[in-house]
Amino acid sequence: MQDGKKNAPESLTEQSAGEQPAKSTERPEASEGAGAEGPKAPKESEAQEAGTQSAEPAVKPDEQQSDQEAANHEKSDGASKDEPTAEKAESDGAEKATAAKKPLKQSAEPVKKETADKAKPEGKAEKQGAKENKEDTGDKGNVLAEPARFEKLRAAVLNLGWKKWTAIAVVAAVLLGAGLFLAFGTSHTIERSDRDAGENIYMVVKPGTTASEISDRLMQLGVIDSRLRFWWLMKLQGDAGKFKTGTYAFTPHMDEQAVLDKLVAGDTTVVKFTIPEGFGIKEIAKRLADEGLVDEQEFLAEAKDFAPYDYMKKRPNVRYAAEGYLFPDTYVIHSDVSAEGIMKMMAEDFDTRLTPALRQQAAAKGLSIHDLITLASLVEKEARYDEDRPIIAQVFFKRLQMGMPLQSDTTLQYLMAGPKEDVSIEDTKIDSPYNTYQHEGLPPGPIASPGMKSILAVLNPANTDYLYFVADRQGHNHYSQTYDEHLAIVEQVR
């Protein structure tokens, strides 16, 4: 051992003084890695020379231990003693530098030298795999986004209080009911009066008329079959406030959309209506109301005191001043479709038809215009056929001359709510000035609107001695001069 010390070179002798061997300049990166854990392993020649100097160690104990561990790794890996890999040194240095911070799992199998060159490609492969894993994770995140949204929606639904649920249920019920009415509506329709189904049904839209009022009126007239379906159609299409004022002509059971289109387009028409002979004020009001031209009650209220001419002046016990003076005819209206406007037009027609010659003829018989029309209205209601009118007029004149009650069933019918085929003994006891069984002379006023044939029949009565008449079931009248003959005929025809 002394020989080995004597023969040791100076450099090693200086090392024994505690100086570290010089760092290699060939691999600066390896030297940097060893700076934390000790010098790298010496070459084989230097190890042999250092082996003879056992008296003084070449390195510090901790550094020697590190060198020994490095040597063991080199032997087990089969790596070259001359050139330890730079990656090995960096790995060892990194392990000790981070050991105090975070433990890392070491590979049980050290990397062999011959595979060192493959480390970088494998690293790239690992990075590529990590990138793919990251993309897979991202894809899974997108897939999981939908359940997350569902959970949020579920949580929001669960957070709704009972009041909000109640409100939602009410709204849903209303919408469902509205949909059912819109789809199916109602089959109930209001019956109209005895008119030809092919006739036009008129309706007047005035300024300020609401959509609900129009729906009700169309239903009442029989133009539409479902008021609610039409009302919802207006609302859904936003047409409720787009109706044009004027008079419209419809037909029964029209399609709701066609009716709505007509009202929005302002497809108005010229009004044409017909009032038959023998219609009273109530029947005229109903006919006009059925055709959509007037309100029935409004018309009747207007007729009570409507008297544009002196001979129409209302007299005591007269129900309607306009009764008998609204001439039965066919009318065409271009404007002013109202209760007063219609009555004025019909009264003007009557006044025009009652020519000065006819007025003079009535005066020659001692008849005022009021008496003429009152008597003509009785003839109109009693006679169904033209040949009967002059004979019936003559019977009434003869009874008036004799002071005998006229005993006309038509005056009793005027007091009743509706027509009656045969009046009874009890009906003849009705207490009213219009009851010609109880009161002599003419009733207070006309009971209907007579046509020109009945007016002319009163002005030109037949020349007979008949005092009684009775109509059979076909409307033909049978006459007699005595009461006994009359009773016998009644038994035959009734």
Protein backbone atom coordinates (compact mmCIF):
# COMPACT_ATOMS: atom_id res chain seq x y z
CA MET A 1 0.00 0.00 0.00
CA GLN A 2 2.96 2.37 0.59
CA ASP A 3 4.23 1.64 -2.93
CA GLY A 4 0.98 2.71 -4.29
CA LYS A 5 1.23 5.97 -2.42
CA LYS A 6 4.73 6.76 -3.57
CA ASN A 7 3.98 6.05 -7.13
CA ALA A 8 0.79 8.17 -7.14
CA PRO A 9 0.97 11.15 -9.47
CA GLU A 10 0.88 14.70 -8.13
CA SER A 11 -2.58 15.29 -9.31
CA LEU A 12 -3.81 12.52 -7.13
CA THR A 13 -1.70 13.73 -4.26
CA GLU A 14 -3.40 17.11 -4.62
CA GLN A 15 -6.72 15.36 -4.66
CA SER A 16 -5.94 13.79 -1.35
CA ALA A 17 -5.86 17.24 0.08
CA GLY A 18 -9.65 17.41 -0.55
CA GLU A 19 -9.82 19.05 -3.99
CA GLN A 20 -12.28 17.66 -6.47
CA PRO A 21 -11.07 16.39 -9.82
CA ALA A 22 -11.34 18.73 -12.75
CA LYS A 23 -14.68 18.72 -14.56
CA SER A 24 -14.82 17.31 -18.04
CA THR A 25 -15.05 19.87 -20.79
CA GLU A 26 -16.30 17.33 -23.28
CA ARG A 27 -19.83 17.02 -21.75
CA PRO A 28 -20.68 20.19 -19.92
CA GLU A 29 -24.22 19.02 -19.45
CA ALA A 30 -23.04 15.94 -17.55
CA SER A 31 -20.79 18.04 -15.30
CA GLU A 32 -23.71 20.31 -14.49
CA GLY A 33 -25.79 17.32 -13.50
CA ALA A 34 -23.01 15.97 -11.23
CA GLY A 35 -22.52 19.25 -9.44
CA ALA A 36 -25.41 18.42 -7.12
CA GLU A 37 -24.42 14.83 -6.37
CA GLY A 38 -20.63 14.50 -6.96
CA PRO A 39 -18.13 14.00 -9.79
CA LYS A 40 -18.67 11.57 -12.55
CA ALA A 41 -16.95 8.17 -12.53
CA PRO A 42 -13.20 8.32 -13.55
CA LYS A 43 -11.85 6.49 -16.53
CA GLU A 44 -10.45 2.96 -16.09
CA SER A 45 -6.77 4.02 -16.13
CA GLU A 46 -7.35 6.68 -13.60
CA ALA A 47 -9.28 4.25 -11.38
CA GLN A 48 -6.35 1.83 -11.37
CA GLU A 49 -3.90 4.52 -10.33
CA ALA A 50 -6.30 5.79 -7.74
CA GLY A 51 -6.66 2.28 -6.37
CA THR A 52 -3.05 2.28 -5.12
CA GLN A 53 -3.66 5.31 -2.98
CA SER A 54 -5.78 3.77 -0.27
CA ALA A 55 -4.41 5.99 2.47
CA GLU A 56 -6.17 9.10 1.28
CA PRO A 57 -9.51 8.87 -0.49
CA ALA A 58 -9.83 10.74 -3.79
CA VAL A 59 -13.28 12.09 -3.06
CA LYS A 60 -15.54 12.85 -0.15
CA PRO A 61 -17.57 9.99 1.34
CA ASP A 62 -20.90 11.22 0.04
CA GLU A 63 -19.45 11.87 -3.35
CA GLN A 64 -17.87 8.44 -3.33
CA GLN A 65 -21.19 6.87 -2.53
CA SER A 66 -22.76 8.68 -5.43
CA ASP A 67 -19.94 7.53 -7.69
CA GLN A 68 -20.40 3.97 -6.50
CA GLU A 69 -24.11 4.08 -7.25
CA ALA A 70 -23.40 5.48 -10.67
CA ALA A 71 -20.86 2.72 -11.27
CA ASN A 72 -23.34 0.06 -10.21
CA HIS A 73 -25.87 1.47 -12.63
CA GLU A 74 -23.28 1.48 -15.39
CA LYS A 75 -22.41 -2.16 -14.80
CA SER A 76 -25.99 -3.32 -14.64
CA ASP A 77 -26.91 -1.45 -17.76
CA GLY A 78 -23.91 -2.62 -19.68
CA ALA A 79 -23.16 0.94 -20.59
CA SER A 80 -19.72 2.17 -21.58
CA LYS A 81 -17.45 3.13 -18.63
CA ASP A 82 -15.84 5.86 -20.63
CA GLU A 83 -19.01 7.81 -21.54
CA PRO A 84 -22.02 7.72 -19.24
CA THR A 85 -25.13 9.00 -20.99
CA ALA A 86 -26.09 12.62 -20.56
CA GLU A 87 -29.71 11.60 -20.15
CA LYS A 88 -28.71 9.39 -17.18
CA ALA A 89 -26.94 12.24 -15.46
CA GLU A 90 -29.79 14.65 -16.03
CA SER A 91 -32.28 12.09 -14.69
CA ASP A 92 -30.26 11.45 -11.56
CA GLY A 93 -29.85 15.15 -10.93
CA ALA A 94 -33.53 15.85 -11.44
CA GLU A 95 -34.52 13.07 -9.06
CA LYS A 96 -32.46 14.45 -6.19
CA ALA A 97 -33.47 18.03 -6.91
CA THR A 98 -37.18 17.24 -6.73
CA ALA A 99 -37.07 14.48 -4.14
CA ALA A 100 -37.93 16.86 -1.33
CA LYS A 101 -40.85 18.35 -3.27
CA LYS A 102 -42.70 15.47 -4.91
CA PRO A 103 -41.93 11.76 -5.02
CA LEU A 104 -41.78 10.30 -8.47
CA LYS A 105 -42.28 6.70 -9.47
CA GLN A 106 -39.01 5.35 -10.82
CA SER A 107 -38.90 2.79 -13.55
CA ALA A 108 -37.69 -0.55 -12.22
CA GLU A 109 -35.84 -1.18 -15.45
CA PRO A 110 -33.08 1.37 -16.29
CA VAL A 111 -32.83 2.56 -19.83
CA LYS A 112 -30.10 0.74 -21.72
CA LYS A 113 -27.49 2.65 -23.61
CA GLU A 114 -28.35 1.12 -26.93
CA THR A 115 -31.89 2.39 -26.51
CA ALA A 116 -30.87 5.90 -25.56
CA ASP A 117 -31.18 7.11 -29.08
CA LYS A 118 -34.76 5.89 -29.16
CA ALA A 119 -35.79 7.97 -26.14
CA LYS A 120 -36.67 11.05 -28.12
CA PRO A 121 -38.96 9.30 -30.64
CA GLU A 122 -40.66 7.51 -27.78
CA GLY A 123 -41.13 10.86 -26.07
CA LYS A 124 -42.79 12.17 -29.16
CA ALA A 125 -45.04 9.13 -29.24
CA GLU A 126 -45.95 9.68 -25.62
CA LYS A 127 -46.76 13.33 -26.32
CA GLN A 128 -48.85 12.28 -29.30
CA GLY A 129 -50.69 9.77 -27.14
CA ALA A 130 -51.22 12.37 -24.47
CA LYS A 131 -52.61 14.72 -27.08
CA GLU A 132 -55.01 12.01 -28.28
CA ASN A 133 -56.05 11.31 -24.72
CA LYS A 134 -56.67 15.00 -24.25
CA GLU A 135 -58.82 15.09 -27.38
CA ASP A 136 -60.71 12.03 -26.17
CA THR A 137 -61.32 13.76 -22.88
CA GLY A 138 -62.56 16.81 -24.71
CA ASP A 139 -64.94 14.72 -26.76
CA LYS A 140 -66.24 13.08 -23.63
CA GLY A 141 -66.73 16.52 -22.15
CA ASN A 142 -68.93 17.47 -25.08
CA VAL A 143 -70.94 14.30 -24.68
CA LEU A 144 -71.41 14.97 -21.00
CA ALA A 145 -72.60 18.52 -21.68
CA GLU A 146 -76.09 17.32 -22.60
CA PRO A 147 -76.70 15.47 -19.32
CA ALA A 148 -75.40 18.53 -17.53
CA ARG A 149 -77.99 20.69 -19.27
CA PHE A 150 -80.67 18.14 -18.44
CA GLU A 151 -79.68 18.23 -14.79
CA LYS A 152 -79.91 22.04 -14.79
CA LEU A 153 -83.37 21.86 -16.39
CA ARG A 154 -84.45 19.21 -13.90
CA ALA A 155 -83.22 21.34 -11.02
CA ALA A 156 -85.07 24.39 -12.38
CA VAL A 157 -88.30 22.38 -12.68
CA LEU A 158 -87.95 21.08 -9.13
CA ASN A 159 -87.41 24.60 -7.84
CA LEU A 160 -90.81 25.78 -9.18
CA GLY A 161 -93.28 26.44 -6.39
CA TRP A 162 -96.85 25.17 -6.25
CA LYS A 163 -98.20 28.60 -7.22
CA LYS A 164 -96.20 28.62 -10.44
CA TRP A 165 -97.25 25.04 -11.21
CA THR A 166 -100.88 26.03 -10.67
CA ALA A 167 -100.53 28.99 -13.03
CA ILE A 168 -98.92 26.79 -15.68
CA ALA A 169 -101.73 24.23 -15.35
CA VAL A 170 -104.41 26.93 -15.71
CA VAL A 171 -102.76 28.39 -18.82
CA ALA A 172 -102.41 24.92 -20.35
CA ALA A 173 -106.06 24.16 -19.67
CA VAL A 174 -107.18 27.44 -21.27
CA LEU A 175 -105.04 26.85 -24.36
CA LEU A 176 -106.31 23.28 -24.66
CA GLY A 177 -109.92 24.39 -24.35
CA ALA A 178 -109.38 27.16 -26.88
CA GLY A 179 -107.83 24.68 -29.30
CA LEU A 180 -110.76 22.30 -28.95
CA PHE A 181 -113.30 25.06 -29.52
CA LEU A 182 -111.30 26.34 -32.48
CA ALA A 183 -111.12 22.88 -33.99
CA PHE A 184 -114.65 21.66 -33.28
CA GLY A 185 -116.70 24.65 -32.15
CA THR A 186 -120.30 24.06 -31.27
CA SER A 187 -123.10 22.62 -33.33
CA HIS A 188 -125.76 24.79 -31.69
CA THR A 189 -127.34 27.40 -33.96
CA ILE A 190 -130.13 29.83 -33.28
CA GLU A 191 -133.24 29.27 -35.35
CA ARG A 192 -134.27 32.13 -37.61
CA SER A 193 -137.79 33.05 -38.66
CA ASP A 194 -139.71 31.55 -41.57
CA ARG A 195 -137.52 32.77 -44.40
CA ASP A 196 -136.27 31.18 -47.53
CA ALA A 197 -132.90 29.61 -46.75
CA GLY A 198 -131.52 30.97 -50.00
CA GLU A 199 -132.16 34.60 -49.10
CA ASN A 200 -129.37 36.92 -48.14
CA ILE A 201 -128.74 37.59 -44.47
CA TYR A 202 -127.77 41.19 -43.89
CA MET A 203 -125.67 42.50 -41.04
CA VAL A 204 -124.77 46.11 -40.33
CA VAL A 205 -121.38 46.88 -38.79
CA LYS A 206 -121.44 50.27 -37.12
CA PRO A 207 -118.46 52.28 -35.84
CA GLY A 208 -117.40 51.02 -32.42
CA THR A 209 -118.86 47.53 -32.85
CA THR A 210 -116.66 45.03 -31.00
CA ALA A 211 -115.41 41.68 -32.27
CA SER A 212 -117.41 39.87 -29.59
CA GLU A 213 -120.62 41.66 -30.61
CA ILE A 214 -120.04 40.76 -34.26
CA SER A 215 -119.46 37.11 -33.32
CA ASP A 216 -122.68 37.02 -31.31
CA ARG A 217 -124.67 38.67 -34.08
CA LEU A 218 -123.38 36.33 -36.79
CA MET A 219 -124.31 33.37 -34.62
CA GLN A 220 -127.81 34.73 -33.94
CA LEU A 221 -128.39 35.29 -37.63
CA GLY A 222 -127.35 31.72 -38.47
CA VAL A 223 -124.45 32.89 -40.65
CA ILE A 224 -121.87 30.89 -38.66
CA ASP A 225 -122.23 27.71 -36.62
CA SER A 226 -119.63 28.46 -33.92
CA ARG A 227 -119.32 31.82 -32.24
CA LEU A 228 -116.21 30.82 -30.26
CA ARG A 229 -114.45 29.35 -33.28
CA PHE A 230 -115.04 32.55 -35.24
CA TRP A 231 -113.94 34.70 -32.28
CA TRP A 232 -110.69 32.77 -31.84
CA LEU A 233 -110.06 32.91 -35.59
CA MET A 234 -110.28 36.70 -35.42
CA LYS A 235 -107.90 36.84 -32.47
CA LEU A 236 -105.31 34.43 -33.85
CA GLN A 237 -105.14 36.23 -37.19
CA GLY A 238 -105.16 39.68 -35.59
CA ASP A 239 -108.23 40.78 -37.57
CA ALA A 240 -110.47 41.72 -34.64
CA GLY A 241 -109.94 45.45 -35.16
CA LYS A 242 -109.82 45.48 -38.97
CA PHE A 243 -113.53 45.30 -39.81
CA LYS A 244 -114.99 47.90 -42.18
CA THR A 245 -118.28 49.54 -41.35
CA GLY A 246 -121.24 49.05 -43.66
CA THR A 247 -123.90 46.52 -44.58
CA TYR A 248 -122.84 42.98 -45.47
CA ALA A 249 -124.76 40.20 -47.20
CA PHE A 250 -124.17 36.63 -45.99
CA THR A 251 -125.80 33.25 -46.46
CA PRO A 252 -126.67 30.63 -43.83
CA HIS A 253 -123.89 28.40 -42.42
CA MET A 254 -120.98 30.09 -44.16
CA ASP A 255 -117.35 29.12 -43.63
CA GLU A 256 -115.93 31.23 -40.79
CA GLN A 257 -112.83 32.18 -42.77
CA ALA A 258 -114.95 33.39 -45.70
CA VAL A 259 -117.03 35.55 -43.37
CA LEU A 260 -113.90 37.00 -41.76
CA ASP A 261 -112.31 37.76 -45.13
CA LYS A 262 -115.44 39.59 -46.23
CA LEU A 263 -115.53 41.76 -43.11
CA VAL A 264 -111.84 42.64 -43.30
CA ALA A 265 -112.01 43.43 -47.04
CA GLY A 266 -115.05 45.67 -46.53
CA ASP A 267 -117.06 43.72 -49.08
CA THR A 268 -120.29 45.58 -48.35
CA THR A 269 -123.46 45.29 -50.38
CA VAL A 270 -126.64 47.07 -51.33
CA VAL A 271 -129.39 45.95 -48.97
CA LYS A 272 -132.53 44.44 -50.44
CA PHE A 273 -135.40 43.17 -48.32
CA THR A 274 -139.12 42.45 -48.74
CA ILE A 275 -141.99 43.06 -46.31
CA PRO A 276 -145.09 41.04 -47.25
CA GLU A 277 -148.66 42.43 -47.07
CA GLY A 278 -150.28 41.97 -43.71
CA PHE A 279 -147.09 42.17 -41.64
CA GLY A 280 -147.53 44.04 -38.39
CA ILE A 281 -144.87 46.09 -36.61
CA LYS A 282 -143.71 43.08 -34.59
CA GLU A 283 -143.37 40.92 -37.68
CA ILE A 284 -141.53 43.66 -39.57
CA ALA A 285 -139.14 44.14 -36.66
CA LYS A 286 -138.42 40.41 -36.51
CA ARG A 287 -137.90 40.10 -40.25
CA LEU A 288 -135.45 43.01 -40.32
CA ALA A 289 -133.68 41.70 -37.24
CA ASP A 290 -133.42 38.22 -38.77
CA GLU A 291 -131.80 39.74 -41.81
CA GLY A 292 -129.35 41.59 -39.61
CA LEU A 293 -130.51 45.08 -40.46
CA VAL A 294 -131.83 46.27 -37.10
CA ASP A 295 -132.09 45.34 -33.47
CA GLU A 296 -135.60 44.04 -32.91
CA GLN A 297 -136.27 45.79 -29.60
CA GLU A 298 -134.75 49.02 -30.83
CA PHE A 299 -137.03 48.95 -33.85
CA LEU A 300 -140.15 48.38 -31.73
CA ALA A 301 -139.21 51.19 -29.38
CA GLU A 302 -138.73 53.54 -32.33
CA ALA A 303 -142.08 52.51 -33.86
CA LYS A 304 -144.10 53.52 -30.80
CA ASP A 305 -143.88 57.23 -31.54
CA PHE A 306 -142.70 57.34 -35.14
CA ALA A 307 -145.11 59.74 -36.89
CA PRO A 308 -143.51 61.88 -39.61
CA TYR A 309 -146.95 62.69 -41.11
CA ASP A 310 -150.01 64.24 -39.49
CA TYR A 311 -152.29 61.28 -40.23
CA MET A 312 -149.82 59.07 -38.34
CA LYS A 313 -150.21 61.05 -35.17
CA LYS A 314 -150.52 58.66 -32.28
CA ARG A 315 -154.01 58.31 -30.83
CA PRO A 316 -155.15 57.02 -27.45
CA ASN A 317 -154.73 53.28 -26.90
CA VAL A 318 -152.66 52.88 -30.07
CA ARG A 319 -149.73 50.57 -29.51
CA TYR A 320 -147.49 51.77 -32.32
CA ALA A 321 -147.88 55.04 -34.18
CA ALA A 322 -146.13 53.52 -37.21
CA GLU A 323 -148.45 50.52 -37.34
CA GLY A 324 -150.14 50.21 -40.76
CA TYR A 325 -148.13 53.03 -42.36
CA LEU A 326 -144.97 51.12 -43.26
CA PHE A 327 -145.92 50.06 -46.73
CA PRO A 328 -145.26 46.38 -47.57
CA ASP A 329 -142.91 46.23 -50.50
CA THR A 330 -139.41 45.27 -51.67
CA TYR A 331 -136.77 47.81 -50.71
CA VAL A 332 -133.19 48.50 -51.70
CA ILE A 333 -131.02 50.47 -49.29
CA HIS A 334 -127.79 52.14 -50.31
CA SER A 335 -127.11 53.93 -47.03
CA ASP A 336 -128.57 54.86 -43.63
CA VAL A 337 -129.39 51.31 -42.62
CA SER A 338 -130.96 51.94 -39.21
CA ALA A 339 -134.33 51.44 -37.54
CA GLU A 340 -135.35 55.05 -38.07
CA GLY A 341 -133.95 55.13 -41.61
CA ILE A 342 -135.88 52.03 -42.66
CA MET A 343 -139.14 53.27 -41.13
CA LYS A 344 -138.74 56.63 -42.80
CA MET A 345 -138.17 54.99 -46.19
CA MET A 346 -141.22 52.72 -45.82
CA ALA A 347 -143.46 55.57 -44.59
CA GLU A 348 -142.44 57.71 -47.55
CA ASP A 349 -143.36 54.85 -49.86
CA PHE A 350 -146.82 54.67 -48.27
CA ASP A 351 -147.36 58.41 -48.50
CA THR A 352 -146.39 58.35 -52.17
CA ARG A 353 -148.74 55.48 -53.01
CA LEU A 354 -151.66 57.16 -51.28
CA THR A 355 -152.24 59.54 -54.16
CA PRO A 356 -154.38 62.67 -53.91
CA ALA A 357 -157.11 60.86 -55.89
CA LEU A 358 -157.28 58.08 -53.34
CA ARG A 359 -157.36 60.58 -50.50
CA GLN A 360 -160.27 62.38 -52.11
CA GLN A 361 -162.08 59.10 -52.63
CA ALA A 362 -161.65 58.22 -48.93
CA ALA A 363 -162.92 61.65 -47.90
CA ALA A 364 -165.98 61.16 -50.14
CA LYS A 365 -166.85 58.02 -48.15
CA GLY A 366 -166.39 59.89 -44.89
CA LEU A 367 -163.16 58.08 -44.09
CA SER A 368 -160.05 59.69 -42.69
CA ILE A 369 -156.71 58.24 -43.76
CA HIS A 370 -156.44 56.72 -40.31
CA ASP A 371 -159.86 55.04 -40.60
CA LEU A 372 -159.14 53.94 -44.15
CA ILE A 373 -155.90 52.18 -43.18
CA THR A 374 -157.41 50.72 -40.00
CA LEU A 375 -160.29 49.15 -41.93
CA ALA A 376 -157.97 48.06 -44.75
CA SER A 377 -155.73 46.30 -42.20
CA LEU A 378 -158.70 44.18 -41.02
CA VAL A 379 -159.53 43.22 -44.62
CA GLU A 380 -155.86 42.34 -45.21
CA LYS A 381 -155.74 39.96 -42.27
CA GLU A 382 -159.12 38.32 -42.98
CA ALA A 383 -158.74 37.75 -46.75
CA ARG A 384 -156.31 35.32 -48.26
CA TYR A 385 -157.62 35.58 -51.81
CA ASP A 386 -158.20 38.73 -53.79
CA GLU A 387 -161.86 37.95 -54.65
CA ASP A 388 -162.73 37.95 -50.96
CA ARG A 389 -161.39 41.43 -50.17
CA PRO A 390 -164.26 43.59 -51.57
CA ILE A 391 -166.92 41.27 -50.04
CA ILE A 392 -165.30 41.35 -46.58
CA ALA A 393 -164.96 45.13 -46.84
CA GLN A 394 -168.71 45.35 -47.62
CA VAL A 395 -169.58 43.16 -44.55
CA PHE A 396 -167.58 45.48 -42.27
CA PHE A 397 -169.22 48.59 -43.71
CA LYS A 398 -172.69 47.09 -43.20
CA ARG A 399 -171.98 46.19 -39.59
CA LEU A 400 -170.59 49.65 -38.90
CA GLN A 401 -173.74 51.17 -40.35
CA MET A 402 -175.90 48.91 -38.19
CA GLY A 403 -173.88 49.53 -35.02
CA MET A 404 -173.03 45.87 -34.84
CA PRO A 405 -169.65 44.77 -33.44
CA LEU A 406 -167.21 43.82 -36.17
CA GLN A 407 -166.32 40.62 -34.30
CA SER A 408 -163.10 40.10 -36.20
CA ASP A 409 -160.86 37.32 -34.92
CA THR A 410 -157.86 39.19 -36.34
CA THR A 411 -158.16 41.89 -33.69
CA LEU A 412 -157.93 39.22 -31.00
CA GLN A 413 -154.90 37.70 -32.72
CA TYR A 414 -153.27 41.14 -32.58
CA LEU A 415 -153.47 41.02 -28.80
CA MET A 416 -151.89 37.58 -28.56
CA ALA A 417 -148.21 36.74 -28.43
CA GLY A 418 -148.51 34.53 -31.51
CA PRO A 419 -150.97 33.46 -34.19
CA LYS A 420 -153.79 31.11 -33.26
CA GLU A 421 -155.79 29.10 -35.76
CA ASP A 422 -159.10 29.26 -33.91
CA VAL A 423 -159.98 31.73 -31.17
CA SER A 424 -161.99 30.51 -28.22
CA ILE A 425 -164.95 31.95 -26.31
CA GLU A 426 -162.48 32.82 -23.57
CA ASP A 427 -160.37 34.79 -26.04
CA THR A 428 -163.38 36.95 -26.94
CA LYS A 429 -163.46 38.15 -23.34
CA ILE A 430 -160.00 39.78 -23.46
CA ASP A 431 -160.22 43.26 -21.99
CA SER A 432 -158.75 45.55 -24.63
CA PRO A 433 -159.93 48.38 -26.93
CA TYR A 434 -158.70 46.16 -29.78
CA ASN A 435 -161.26 43.46 -28.86
CA THR A 436 -163.92 43.98 -31.54
CA TYR A 437 -166.14 41.41 -29.85
CA GLN A 438 -166.46 43.67 -26.82
CA HIS A 439 -166.31 47.09 -28.48
CA GLU A 440 -168.27 48.49 -31.41
CA GLY A 441 -166.67 50.33 -34.27
CA LEU A 442 -163.08 50.25 -35.46
CA PRO A 443 -160.18 49.36 -33.19
CA PRO A 444 -157.90 52.24 -31.99
CA GLY A 445 -155.64 51.86 -35.02
CA PRO A 446 -154.43 49.56 -37.78
CA ILE A 447 -153.37 46.04 -36.81
CA ALA A 448 -151.07 45.47 -39.84
CA SER A 449 -149.71 47.04 -43.00
CA PRO A 450 -152.33 46.61 -45.74
CA GLY A 451 -151.40 46.28 -49.35
CA MET A 452 -152.91 48.37 -52.15
CA LYS A 453 -155.51 45.68 -52.99
CA SER A 454 -156.99 45.85 -49.51
CA ILE A 455 -156.93 49.68 -49.53
CA LEU A 456 -158.71 49.71 -52.89
CA ALA A 457 -161.20 47.08 -51.67
CA VAL A 458 -162.22 49.42 -48.83
CA LEU A 459 -162.56 52.31 -51.25
CA ASN A 460 -164.50 50.08 -53.64
CA PRO A 461 -166.47 47.50 -51.63
CA ALA A 462 -168.75 44.86 -53.15
CA ASN A 463 -172.51 45.37 -53.36
CA THR A 464 -173.96 42.47 -51.33
CA ASP A 465 -176.31 41.82 -48.42
CA TYR A 466 -173.93 39.56 -46.55
CA LEU A 467 -173.56 40.10 -42.85
CA TYR A 468 -171.48 37.03 -41.88
CA PHE A 469 -168.48 35.14 -43.26
CA VAL A 470 -166.25 32.27 -42.17
CA ALA A 471 -163.08 30.86 -43.75
CA ASP A 472 -162.43 27.19 -44.33
CA ARG A 473 -159.11 25.44 -43.72
CA GLN A 474 -157.90 26.45 -47.17
CA GLY A 475 -158.56 30.13 -46.52
CA HIS A 476 -161.64 30.51 -48.72
CA ASN A 477 -164.47 32.51 -47.13
CA HIS A 478 -168.15 31.46 -47.07
CA TYR A 479 -170.83 34.09 -46.61
CA SER A 480 -174.37 34.23 -45.21
CA GLN A 481 -177.06 36.80 -44.49
CA THR A 482 -178.45 35.36 -41.27
CA TYR A 483 -176.84 34.01 -38.12
CA ASP A 484 -178.50 30.60 -38.47
CA GLU A 485 -177.10 30.19 -41.97
CA HIS A 486 -173.74 31.20 -40.59
CA LEU A 487 -173.80 28.50 -37.88
CA ALA A 488 -174.70 25.85 -40.42
CA ILE A 489 -171.80 26.83 -42.65
CA VAL A 490 -169.40 26.84 -39.68
CA GLU A 491 -170.37 23.24 -38.96
CA GLN A 492 -169.61 22.32 -42.55
CA VAL A 493 -166.26 24.03 -43.05
CA ARG A 494 -164.69 23.61 -39.60
